[in-house]
């Protein structure tokens, strides 16, 4: 599917560039990690857990992640707004890659 997207949209130079476009964004990786950890989360909980992200930015980043099929949004359609977010199988498949990046950082970046 990624190859189809690369071929369909020439703005991507290759699969690496296409993949980076999916996770590029100030908060997307944090959102993915948070959802990987908690499994299911409501908007307010995500905003509380990430803390420094604005309402508008979080909404925008979640919408992009949903459009790219990395995050699933479930609206319960109740009188009180109740929406939950979770990673899709496609989103979950990114977690080992993001974990590898964290491992590299632990090994090569001095926190001081």
C-alpha atoms as a PDB file:
ATOM      1  CA  UNK A   1       0.000   0.000   0.000  1.00  0.00           C
ATOM      2  CA  UNK A   2       2.871   2.372   0.779  1.00  0.00           C
ATOM      3  CA  UNK A   3       4.326   1.682  -2.672  1.00  0.00           C
ATOM      4  CA  UNK A   4       0.950   2.555  -4.243  1.00  0.00           C
ATOM      5  CA  UNK A   5       0.904   5.819  -2.316  1.00  0.00           C
ATOM      6  CA  UNK A   6       4.466   6.603  -3.403  1.00  0.00           C
ATOM      7  CA  UNK A   7       3.573   5.946  -7.034  1.00  0.00           C
ATOM      8  CA  UNK A   8       0.271   7.813  -6.814  1.00  0.00           C
ATOM      9  CA  UNK A   9       1.805  10.915  -5.244  1.00  0.00           C
ATOM     10  CA  UNK A  10       5.046  11.959  -6.910  1.00  0.00           C
ATOM     11  CA  UNK A  11       5.852  14.399  -4.106  1.00  0.00           C
ATOM     12  CA  UNK A  12       7.563  11.463  -2.381  1.00  0.00           C
ATOM     13  CA  UNK A  13      11.029  10.589  -3.611  1.00  0.00           C
ATOM     14  CA  UNK A  14      10.953   7.036  -2.253  1.00  0.00           C
ATOM     15  CA  UNK A  15       9.424   4.776   0.406  1.00  0.00           C
ATOM     16  CA  UNK A  16      11.598   6.278   3.145  1.00  0.00           C
ATOM     17  CA  UNK A  17      10.378   9.781   2.321  1.00  0.00           C
ATOM     18  CA  UNK A  18       6.769   8.562   2.184  1.00  0.00           C
ATOM     19  CA  UNK A  19       7.107   6.884   5.582  1.00  0.00           C
ATOM     20  CA  UNK A  20       8.686   9.960   7.127  1.00  0.00           C
ATOM     21  CA  UNK A  21       5.785  12.049   5.814  1.00  0.00           C
ATOM     22  CA  UNK A  22       3.392   9.814   7.774  1.00  0.00           C
ATOM     23  CA  UNK A  23       5.142  10.395  11.104  1.00  0.00           C
ATOM     24  CA  UNK A  24       6.457  13.915  10.491  1.00  0.00           C
ATOM     25  CA  UNK A  25       4.827  16.413  12.775  1.00  0.00           C
ATOM     26  CA  UNK A  26       5.779  17.853  16.110  1.00  0.00           C
ATOM     27  CA  UNK A  27       3.556  15.511  18.150  1.00  0.00           C
ATOM     28  CA  UNK A  28       2.786  12.492  15.955  1.00  0.00           C
ATOM     29  CA  UNK A  29       5.476  10.240  17.405  1.00  0.00           C
ATOM     30  CA  UNK A  30       4.477  11.195  20.961  1.00  0.00           C
ATOM     31  CA  UNK A  31       0.842  10.413  20.126  1.00  0.00           C
ATOM     32  CA  UNK A  32       1.823   7.040  18.659  1.00  0.00           C
ATOM     33  CA  UNK A  33       3.918   6.166  21.730  1.00  0.00           C
ATOM     34  CA  UNK A  34       1.177   7.273  24.124  1.00  0.00           C
ATOM     35  CA  UNK A  35      -1.449   5.189  22.330  1.00  0.00           C
ATOM     36  CA  UNK A  36       0.922   2.217  22.222  1.00  0.00           C
ATOM     37  CA  UNK A  37       1.320   2.466  25.983  1.00  0.00           C
ATOM     38  CA  UNK A  38      -2.295   3.032  27.031  1.00  0.00           C
ATOM     39  CA  UNK A  39      -3.973   1.139  24.138  1.00  0.00           C
ATOM     40  CA  UNK A  40      -7.109   3.346  24.091  1.00  0.00           C
ATOM     41  CA  UNK A  41      -7.369   7.005  25.014  1.00  0.00           C
ATOM     42  CA  UNK A  42      -9.810   9.877  24.901  1.00  0.00           C
ATOM     43  CA  UNK A  43      -8.787  13.258  23.494  1.00  0.00           C
ATOM     44  CA  UNK A  44      -8.594  14.998  26.882  1.00  0.00           C
ATOM     45  CA  UNK A  45      -6.497  12.159  28.304  1.00  0.00           C
ATOM     46  CA  UNK A  46      -4.043  12.385  25.408  1.00  0.00           C
ATOM     47  CA  UNK A  47      -3.799  16.135  25.859  1.00  0.00           C
ATOM     48  CA  UNK A  48      -3.228  15.718  29.598  1.00  0.00           C
ATOM     49  CA  UNK A  49      -0.600  12.997  29.141  1.00  0.00           C
ATOM     50  CA  UNK A  50       1.349  14.871  26.464  1.00  0.00           C
ATOM     51  CA  UNK A  51       0.798  18.136  28.409  1.00  0.00           C
ATOM     52  CA  UNK A  52       2.408  20.775  26.207  1.00  0.00           C
ATOM     53  CA  UNK A  53       0.389  20.174  23.025  1.00  0.00           C
ATOM     54  CA  UNK A  54      -2.426  22.615  22.258  1.00  0.00           C
ATOM     55  CA  UNK A  55      -5.989  21.474  21.611  1.00  0.00           C
ATOM     56  CA  UNK A  56      -5.840  22.638  17.983  1.00  0.00           C
ATOM     57  CA  UNK A  57      -2.501  20.955  17.270  1.00  0.00           C
ATOM     58  CA  UNK A  58      -3.516  17.667  18.886  1.00  0.00           C
ATOM     59  CA  UNK A  59      -6.766  17.618  16.896  1.00  0.00           C
ATOM     60  CA  UNK A  60      -4.882  18.298  13.669  1.00  0.00           C
ATOM     61  CA  UNK A  61      -2.213  15.660  14.315  1.00  0.00           C
ATOM     62  CA  UNK A  62      -4.827  13.042  15.288  1.00  0.00           C
ATOM     63  CA  UNK A  63      -6.813  13.803  12.139  1.00  0.00           C
ATOM     64  CA  UNK A  64      -3.706  13.325   9.972  1.00  0.00           C
ATOM     65  CA  UNK A  65      -2.825  10.080  11.755  1.00  0.00           C
ATOM     66  CA  UNK A  66      -6.390   8.902  11.221  1.00  0.00           C
ATOM     67  CA  UNK A  67      -6.309   9.831   7.513  1.00  0.00           C
ATOM     68  CA  UNK A  68      -3.052   7.894   7.159  1.00  0.00           C
ATOM     69  CA  UNK A  69      -4.715   4.897   8.859  1.00  0.00           C
ATOM     70  CA  UNK A  70      -2.274   4.842  11.774  1.00  0.00           C
ATOM     71  CA  UNK A  71      -4.901   5.794  14.365  1.00  0.00           C
ATOM     72  CA  UNK A  72      -8.534   4.785  14.592  1.00  0.00           C
ATOM     73  CA  UNK A  73     -11.137   7.190  15.964  1.00  0.00           C
ATOM     74  CA  UNK A  74     -14.243   5.677  17.520  1.00  0.00           C
ATOM     75  CA  UNK A  75     -17.169   8.026  18.156  1.00  0.00           C
ATOM     76  CA  UNK A  76     -19.719   6.448  20.488  1.00  0.00           C
ATOM     77  CA  UNK A  77     -22.390   8.935  19.322  1.00  0.00           C
ATOM     78  CA  UNK A  78     -23.752   9.528  22.799  1.00  0.00           C
ATOM     79  CA  UNK A  79     -25.387  12.677  24.183  1.00  0.00           C
ATOM     80  CA  UNK A  80     -22.150  13.483  25.978  1.00  0.00           C
ATOM     81  CA  UNK A  81     -19.280  13.507  23.455  1.00  0.00           C
ATOM     82  CA  UNK A  82     -17.344  10.265  23.845  1.00  0.00           C
ATOM     83  CA  UNK A  83     -14.561   9.618  21.347  1.00  0.00           C
ATOM     84  CA  UNK A  84     -11.699   7.166  21.782  1.00  0.00           C
ATOM     85  CA  UNK A  85      -8.478   6.766  19.836  1.00  0.00           C
ATOM     86  CA  UNK A  86      -6.381   3.647  19.365  1.00  0.00           C
ATOM     87  CA  UNK A  87      -3.623   2.493  17.066  1.00  0.00           C
ATOM     88  CA  UNK A  88      -4.571   0.502  14.005  1.00  0.00           C
ATOM     89  CA  UNK A  89      -2.575  -2.570  12.994  1.00  0.00           C
ATOM     90  CA  UNK A  90      -0.663  -0.274  10.647  1.00  0.00           C
ATOM     91  CA  UNK A  91       0.077   2.109  13.536  1.00  0.00           C
ATOM     92  CA  UNK A  92       1.142  -0.739  15.800  1.00  0.00           C
ATOM     93  CA  UNK A  93       3.558  -1.938  13.121  1.00  0.00           C
ATOM     94  CA  UNK A  94       5.519   1.329  13.540  1.00  0.00           C
ATOM     95  CA  UNK A  95       6.161   0.816  17.255  1.00  0.00           C
ATOM     96  CA  UNK A  96       9.152  -1.570  16.895  1.00  0.00           C
ATOM     97  CA  UNK A  97      10.772   0.963  14.560  1.00  0.00           C
ATOM     98  CA  UNK A  98      10.185   3.802  17.011  1.00  0.00           C
ATOM     99  CA  UNK A  99      11.492   1.604  19.846  1.00  0.00           C
ATOM    100  CA  UNK A 100      14.660   1.001  17.803  1.00  0.00           C
ATOM    101  CA  UNK A 101      15.118   4.769  17.436  1.00  0.00           C
ATOM    102  CA  UNK A 102      14.794   5.125  21.230  1.00  0.00           C
ATOM    103  CA  UNK A 103      17.343   2.359  21.762  1.00  0.00           C
ATOM    104  CA  UNK A 104      19.756   4.110  19.414  1.00  0.00           C
ATOM    105  CA  UNK A 105      19.245   7.352  21.348  1.00  0.00           C
ATOM    106  CA  UNK A 106      19.929   5.598  24.660  1.00  0.00           C
ATOM    107  CA  UNK A 107      23.183   4.222  23.271  1.00  0.00           C
ATOM    108  CA  UNK A 108      24.474   7.310  21.475  1.00  0.00           C
ATOM    109  CA  UNK A 109      23.066  10.465  23.048  1.00  0.00           C
ATOM    110  CA  UNK A 110      24.324  11.809  26.348  1.00  0.00           C
ATOM    111  CA  UNK A 111      21.310  13.160  28.278  1.00  0.00           C
ATOM    112  CA  UNK A 112      23.432  15.846  29.972  1.00  0.00           C
END
